[in-house]
Amino acid sequence: MVLLFVSFLLYCSYRSYCLYCPVVFLTCLVRPQYLNLPSMRQEMKRMLREDMKFASVLPLYPATMAMYFLTLGPGAAARRCMGTNRSLAMEAGSGIIIDIGFSYAHVVPFFDFHPIKGAIRRIDLGGKALTNYMKELVSFRSMNMMKETNLMEHIREKLCFVSNDMERDLRIAASKRDSPFKVEWFLPDGVTSKWGHIRDPSQPRGPKDPILVVNNERFMVPELLFNPGDISMNEAGLAEATWQAVCGCHPNIQGLICANVSVIGGLAGTQGLVERLHTELRPLVPDDYDLNIDLPQDPHTVAWRGGALVGARTDLFSQLLESDVDGCP
């Protein structure tokens, strides 16, 4: 009901705006879902043109916006020097964008700035699934946190990291009484603190202090991205899905694509993720292929900045509008 009300307000706002603004000046850059049905894309464009009075509509995947920003935006010159053959791949508009979001993770390969749709791979795991998994673990081992979704998401973002050797770290966390991974999180009281904080070990701990103890959950939760089978999901991990996306491309461009891999999205900034991805992906990639994986600055806003770049460049926007045949150029 709330969503319908918000949609109605948005519709009324645009109808009112169209009364004072000529239709020819209204353009829209919209972000559709990956692998969406062509009929749904066409219906979305029809609604924006006819109901909201946009003169032109350009749907672009978030990965496409990110590819334009990383290739044409500020800092592109520095990225060309970050690895062998990366400059050549960027000139050709080739590479892979790994978008790890709230609900899904997508691996999108590119050539000439166009996504190779037949090679796109999706993993049904994202920040929401990791937060729910962490809630279950700490509720079973420490205290019941099943109703504290927002708080557990904040704690996961602050404490979790990706282990480069999960089995070794798991033995260390289990064998030592004072595990190096053990952290005590002082829960908020709702008055002086909203999210809580890490308890200082030098301070005395009271018997009734609300303390949440987190140990191997810090690296076992993000491990799902690489081993979804840990929660009985019959899907490929992040490294395997990336290699499947590479294999879905023509053999002549696979080397270019591997030379320019970027990780974006809300989970991209998880400590150790890029290093672990490189460790698992390197044995899968042929030895004569260069593998360059980087993490852009502020990875959760790269797609938005790419959309702003496309919208600000009239020549690029017009070129993309002309090439928009099936919904996402």
Protein backbone atom coordinates (compact mmCIF):
# COMPACT_ATOMS: atom_id res chain seq x y z
CA MET A 1 0.00 0.00 0.00
CA VAL A 2 2.82 2.37 0.86
CA LEU A 3 4.56 1.57 -2.44
CA LEU A 4 1.39 2.36 -4.40
CA PHE A 5 1.00 5.65 -2.54
CA VAL A 6 4.61 6.65 -3.25
CA SER A 7 4.19 5.71 -6.92
CA PHE A 8 1.02 7.81 -7.09
CA LEU A 9 2.81 10.83 -5.59
CA LEU A 10 5.67 10.41 -8.05
CA TYR A 11 3.22 10.17 -10.93
CA CYS A 12 1.35 13.30 -9.81
CA SER A 13 4.62 15.21 -9.37
CA TYR A 14 5.70 14.47 -12.93
CA ARG A 15 2.24 15.28 -14.33
CA SER A 16 2.37 18.65 -12.58
CA TYR A 17 5.93 19.27 -13.78
CA CYS A 18 4.96 18.52 -17.38
CA LEU A 19 2.39 21.35 -17.30
CA TYR A 20 5.19 23.91 -16.98
CA CYS A 21 8.04 22.23 -18.87
CA PRO A 22 8.02 21.46 -22.62
CA VAL A 23 8.07 17.73 -23.30
CA VAL A 24 11.09 18.01 -25.57
CA PHE A 25 13.35 18.85 -22.64
CA LEU A 26 12.39 15.86 -20.48
CA THR A 27 14.86 12.95 -20.63
CA CYS A 28 15.18 9.97 -18.33
CA LEU A 29 18.10 7.69 -17.52
CA VAL A 30 16.71 4.65 -15.71
CA ARG A 31 18.34 1.57 -14.19
CA PRO A 32 16.52 -1.68 -15.10
CA GLN A 33 17.06 -5.09 -13.55
CA TYR A 34 19.65 -7.42 -14.99
CA LEU A 35 18.30 -10.17 -17.26
CA ASN A 36 14.85 -8.63 -17.28
CA LEU A 37 12.29 -9.73 -19.87
CA PRO A 38 12.19 -7.59 -23.05
CA SER A 39 8.43 -7.13 -22.70
CA MET A 40 8.87 -5.66 -19.20
CA ARG A 41 11.57 -3.29 -20.43
CA GLN A 42 9.36 -2.10 -23.27
CA GLU A 43 6.42 -1.59 -20.92
CA MET A 44 8.62 0.43 -18.54
CA LYS A 45 9.72 2.66 -21.41
CA ARG A 46 6.14 3.06 -22.60
CA MET A 47 4.99 4.12 -19.13
CA LEU A 48 7.78 6.68 -18.80
CA ARG A 49 7.08 8.15 -22.24
CA GLU A 50 3.29 8.16 -22.27
CA ASP A 51 2.31 8.49 -18.61
CA MET A 52 5.21 10.55 -17.24
CA LYS A 53 5.76 12.49 -20.47
CA PHE A 54 9.46 11.86 -20.96
CA ALA A 55 10.58 12.63 -24.50
CA SER A 56 13.36 10.03 -24.37
CA VAL A 57 14.16 7.10 -22.08
CA LEU A 58 17.53 5.41 -21.81
CA PRO A 59 17.75 2.21 -19.72
CA LEU A 60 21.28 1.29 -18.63
CA TYR A 61 22.45 -1.50 -16.38
CA PRO A 62 24.34 -0.34 -13.26
CA ALA A 63 27.35 -2.28 -14.54
CA THR A 64 27.19 -0.34 -17.83
CA MET A 65 27.17 2.97 -15.96
CA ALA A 66 30.12 1.78 -13.88
CA MET A 67 32.05 0.72 -16.99
CA TYR A 68 31.64 4.18 -18.52
CA PHE A 69 32.74 5.89 -15.32
CA LEU A 70 35.78 3.66 -14.79
CA THR A 71 36.85 4.08 -18.43
CA LEU A 72 35.99 7.72 -19.15
CA GLY A 73 35.65 9.35 -15.74
CA PRO A 74 38.19 10.91 -13.37
CA GLY A 75 40.97 8.52 -12.47
CA ALA A 76 40.71 6.51 -15.69
CA ALA A 77 44.26 7.44 -16.69
CA ALA A 78 45.62 6.06 -13.42
CA ARG A 79 43.64 2.82 -13.84
CA ARG A 80 45.24 2.19 -17.23
CA CYS A 81 48.60 1.80 -15.50
CA MET A 82 47.36 -0.62 -12.83
CA GLY A 83 48.02 -3.82 -14.77
CA THR A 84 49.35 -5.38 -17.95
CA ASN A 85 47.01 -5.08 -20.95
CA ARG A 86 44.47 -3.14 -18.89
CA SER A 87 44.98 -0.04 -21.04
CA LEU A 88 44.21 -2.07 -24.18
CA ALA A 89 41.11 -3.56 -22.59
CA MET A 90 39.85 -0.14 -21.51
CA GLU A 91 40.38 1.26 -25.01
CA ALA A 92 38.24 -1.58 -26.36
CA GLY A 93 35.57 -1.08 -23.70
CA SER A 94 36.15 -4.64 -22.51
CA GLY A 95 36.18 -6.08 -19.02
CA ILE A 96 34.05 -7.52 -16.26
CA ILE A 97 31.99 -5.66 -13.69
CA ILE A 98 31.14 -7.73 -10.60
CA ASP A 99 28.17 -6.06 -8.93
CA ILE A 100 27.56 -7.41 -5.40
CA GLY A 101 24.38 -5.82 -4.13
CA PHE A 102 21.73 -6.22 -1.47
CA SER A 103 19.84 -9.17 -2.94
CA TYR A 104 22.03 -10.57 -5.73
CA ALA A 105 25.54 -10.63 -7.13
CA HIS A 106 25.93 -10.24 -10.91
CA VAL A 107 28.95 -10.87 -13.10
CA VAL A 108 28.63 -8.80 -16.28
CA PRO A 109 31.25 -9.08 -19.09
CA PHE A 110 31.62 -6.24 -21.62
CA PHE A 111 32.94 -5.69 -25.10
CA ASP A 112 32.83 -2.29 -26.79
CA PHE A 113 30.94 -0.99 -23.72
CA HIS A 114 28.06 -3.39 -24.46
CA PRO A 115 27.16 -6.12 -21.94
CA ILE A 116 27.42 -9.62 -23.36
CA LYS A 117 23.99 -10.69 -22.16
CA GLY A 118 24.39 -14.37 -22.89
CA ALA A 119 27.39 -14.51 -20.55
CA ILE A 120 25.90 -12.64 -17.57
CA ARG A 121 25.87 -14.76 -14.42
CA ARG A 122 23.87 -14.20 -11.25
CA ILE A 123 24.31 -15.50 -7.71
CA ASP A 124 21.24 -15.32 -5.48
CA LEU A 125 23.24 -13.98 -2.57
CA GLY A 126 23.71 -10.45 -1.34
CA GLY A 127 23.90 -8.31 1.76
CA LYS A 128 20.42 -9.33 2.92
CA ALA A 129 21.24 -13.05 2.91
CA LEU A 130 24.52 -12.46 4.74
CA THR A 131 22.80 -10.39 7.42
CA ASN A 132 20.12 -13.06 7.93
CA TYR A 133 22.78 -15.75 8.19
CA MET A 134 24.70 -13.75 10.76
CA LYS A 135 21.52 -13.23 12.79
CA GLU A 136 21.00 -16.98 12.93
CA LEU A 137 24.59 -17.70 13.97
CA VAL A 138 24.84 -15.16 16.79
CA SER A 139 21.31 -15.98 18.00
CA PHE A 140 22.30 -19.61 18.39
CA ARG A 141 25.71 -18.98 19.96
CA SER A 142 25.38 -15.74 21.91
CA MET A 143 21.98 -14.05 22.27
CA ASN A 144 18.74 -13.74 20.34
CA MET A 145 19.16 -11.07 17.64
CA MET A 146 16.60 -12.32 15.12
CA LYS A 147 14.51 -9.13 15.32
CA GLU A 148 17.48 -6.74 15.13
CA THR A 149 18.05 -6.77 11.37
CA ASN A 150 19.33 -3.20 11.02
CA LEU A 151 21.66 -3.52 13.99
CA MET A 152 23.09 -6.82 12.76
CA GLU A 153 23.62 -5.37 9.30
CA HIS A 154 25.61 -2.54 10.87
CA ILE A 155 27.67 -4.98 12.95
CA ARG A 156 28.32 -7.15 9.88
CA GLU A 157 29.58 -4.16 7.90
CA LYS A 158 31.91 -3.14 10.74
CA LEU A 159 33.32 -6.52 11.77
CA CYS A 160 33.16 -8.99 8.88
CA PHE A 161 36.03 -9.72 6.51
CA VAL A 162 36.86 -12.32 3.87
CA SER A 163 39.48 -14.85 4.91
CA ASN A 164 42.12 -15.85 2.41
CA ASP A 165 42.46 -19.25 4.14
CA MET A 166 39.17 -20.08 5.80
CA GLU A 167 40.13 -23.52 7.15
CA ARG A 168 43.28 -22.17 8.81
CA ASP A 169 41.45 -19.26 10.42
CA LEU A 170 38.69 -21.58 11.57
CA ARG A 171 41.22 -23.80 13.36
CA ILE A 172 42.82 -20.76 14.98
CA ALA A 173 39.45 -19.45 16.17
CA ALA A 174 38.53 -22.84 17.66
CA SER A 175 41.85 -23.90 19.20
CA LYS A 176 42.84 -20.79 21.11
CA ARG A 177 40.96 -19.74 24.20
CA ASP A 178 41.57 -16.09 23.40
CA SER A 179 40.88 -16.10 19.70
CA PRO A 180 42.45 -13.21 17.73
CA PHE A 181 39.16 -12.90 15.88
CA LYS A 182 37.02 -12.57 19.00
CA VAL A 183 35.31 -9.19 19.37
CA GLU A 184 32.88 -8.04 22.03
CA TRP A 185 30.28 -5.60 20.72
CA PHE A 186 28.66 -3.35 23.31
CA LEU A 187 25.01 -3.21 22.29
CA PRO A 188 23.22 0.16 22.17
CA ASP A 189 21.03 1.33 24.99
CA GLY A 190 18.81 3.48 22.76
CA VAL A 191 19.69 6.67 24.63
CA THR A 192 23.40 7.42 24.42
CA SER A 193 24.19 5.10 21.51
CA LYS A 194 22.22 4.07 18.43
CA TRP A 195 24.45 1.31 17.02
CA GLY A 196 26.76 0.40 19.88
CA HIS A 197 30.53 0.00 19.67
CA ILE A 198 33.41 -2.40 20.13
CA ARG A 199 34.13 -2.85 23.83
CA ASP A 200 37.55 -1.71 24.94
CA PRO A 201 39.30 -4.75 26.53
CA SER A 202 41.04 -2.46 29.04
CA GLN A 203 37.73 -1.37 30.54
CA PRO A 204 36.08 -3.54 33.21
CA ARG A 205 33.02 -5.49 32.14
CA GLY A 206 29.93 -5.38 34.30
CA PRO A 207 27.85 -8.51 34.93
CA LYS A 208 24.77 -7.01 33.26
CA ASP A 209 26.45 -5.21 30.37
CA PRO A 210 24.73 -6.04 27.06
CA ILE A 211 27.66 -7.67 25.24
CA LEU A 212 27.43 -9.55 21.94
CA VAL A 213 30.39 -11.87 21.37
CA VAL A 214 31.44 -12.41 17.74
CA ASN A 215 34.24 -14.83 16.83
CA ASN A 216 34.46 -16.93 13.66
CA GLU A 217 31.20 -15.41 12.40
CA ARG A 218 33.33 -12.50 11.24
CA PHE A 219 34.74 -14.52 8.32
CA MET A 220 32.26 -17.41 8.07
CA VAL A 221 29.41 -15.09 7.00
CA PRO A 222 31.16 -13.53 3.95
CA GLU A 223 32.42 -17.02 3.08
CA LEU A 224 28.97 -17.66 1.58
CA LEU A 225 29.90 -15.51 -1.41
CA PHE A 226 32.57 -18.05 -2.37
CA ASN A 227 30.88 -21.20 -1.05
CA PRO A 228 27.07 -20.92 -1.25
CA GLY A 229 26.91 -24.65 -0.53
CA ASP A 230 27.50 -23.84 3.15
CA ILE A 231 23.79 -22.99 3.36
CA SER A 232 22.74 -25.72 0.89
CA MET A 233 22.52 -23.44 -2.15
CA ASN A 234 23.29 -25.28 -5.37
CA GLU A 235 25.05 -22.33 -7.02
CA ALA A 236 28.53 -21.37 -8.10
CA GLY A 237 30.66 -19.17 -5.91
CA LEU A 238 31.91 -15.75 -6.92
CA ALA A 239 35.14 -16.96 -8.53
CA GLU A 240 33.49 -19.85 -10.38
CA ALA A 241 30.64 -17.62 -11.64
CA THR A 242 33.20 -15.10 -12.90
CA TRP A 243 35.03 -17.80 -14.85
CA GLN A 244 31.73 -19.07 -16.25
CA ALA A 245 31.00 -15.54 -17.49
CA VAL A 246 34.43 -15.42 -19.17
CA CYS A 247 33.82 -18.79 -20.83
CA GLY A 248 30.49 -17.51 -22.14
CA CYS A 249 32.34 -14.94 -24.28
CA HIS A 250 34.11 -15.47 -27.58
CA PRO A 251 37.59 -17.02 -27.10
CA ASN A 252 39.23 -14.13 -28.97
CA ILE A 253 38.19 -11.57 -26.35
CA GLN A 254 38.53 -13.62 -23.17
CA GLY A 255 42.07 -12.34 -22.56
CA LEU A 256 40.94 -8.70 -22.84
CA ILE A 257 38.05 -9.30 -20.47
CA CYS A 258 40.26 -10.89 -17.79
CA ALA A 259 42.66 -7.94 -17.94
CA ASN A 260 40.04 -5.49 -16.67
CA VAL A 261 37.94 -6.75 -13.75
CA SER A 262 36.31 -4.36 -11.27
CA VAL A 263 34.21 -5.08 -8.19
CA ILE A 264 31.41 -2.67 -7.27
CA GLY A 265 28.35 -2.67 -5.01
CA GLY A 266 27.61 -2.44 -1.34
CA LEU A 267 29.56 -5.59 -0.42
CA ALA A 268 32.56 -4.80 -2.62
CA GLY A 269 34.30 -2.94 0.18
CA THR A 270 34.40 -5.99 2.46
CA GLN A 271 37.96 -6.38 3.68
CA GLY A 272 39.88 -9.09 1.84
CA LEU A 273 37.26 -9.77 -0.84
CA VAL A 274 39.34 -8.67 -3.84
CA GLU A 275 42.41 -10.57 -2.61
CA ARG A 276 40.38 -13.77 -2.08
CA LEU A 277 38.75 -13.41 -5.50
CA HIS A 278 42.15 -13.10 -7.16
CA THR A 279 43.47 -16.12 -5.22
CA GLU A 280 40.59 -18.37 -6.34
CA LEU A 281 40.27 -17.01 -9.88
CA ARG A 282 43.93 -17.16 -10.86
CA PRO A 283 44.08 -21.00 -11.05
CA LEU A 284 40.99 -21.01 -13.29
CA VAL A 285 42.32 -18.45 -15.76
CA PRO A 286 44.88 -19.68 -18.34
CA ASP A 287 48.49 -18.73 -17.64
CA ASP A 288 48.78 -16.61 -20.78
CA TYR A 289 45.88 -14.39 -19.66
CA ASP A 290 46.59 -11.35 -17.52
CA LEU A 291 44.26 -11.09 -14.53
CA ASN A 292 43.78 -7.62 -13.04
CA ILE A 293 41.14 -7.12 -10.33
CA ASP A 294 40.68 -3.76 -8.66
CA LEU A 295 38.35 -2.10 -6.19
CA PRO A 296 37.32 1.44 -7.22
CA GLN A 297 37.10 4.22 -4.69
CA ASP A 298 33.62 4.31 -3.11
CA PRO A 299 32.45 1.16 -4.95
CA HIS A 300 28.86 1.56 -3.77
CA THR A 301 28.46 4.86 -5.70
CA VAL A 302 30.35 3.99 -8.91
CA ALA A 303 27.18 3.15 -10.86
CA TRP A 304 25.51 6.40 -9.79
CA ARG A 305 28.55 8.44 -10.79
CA GLY A 306 28.62 6.64 -14.13
CA GLY A 307 24.98 7.57 -14.74
CA ALA A 308 25.77 11.18 -13.90
CA LEU A 309 28.68 11.08 -16.37
CA VAL A 310 26.50 9.69 -19.16
CA GLY A 311 23.77 12.24 -18.48
CA ALA A 312 26.23 15.14 -18.47
CA ARG A 313 27.74 14.22 -21.85
CA THR A 314 25.11 15.04 -24.45
CA ASP A 315 27.01 13.40 -27.30
CA LEU A 316 27.37 10.11 -25.41
CA PHE A 317 23.75 10.17 -24.25
CA SER A 318 22.50 10.72 -27.82
CA GLN A 319 24.73 7.93 -29.13
CA LEU A 320 23.37 5.50 -26.55
CA LEU A 321 19.78 6.49 -27.35
CA GLU A 322 20.35 5.66 -31.01
CA SER A 323 21.80 2.24 -30.13
CA ASP A 324 18.98 1.39 -27.68
CA VAL A 325 17.25 -1.41 -29.57
CA ASP A 326 16.23 -4.02 -27.01
CA GLY A 327 16.22 -1.97 -23.83
CA CYS A 328 19.82 -1.87 -22.58
CA PRO A 329 22.61 -0.80 -24.97
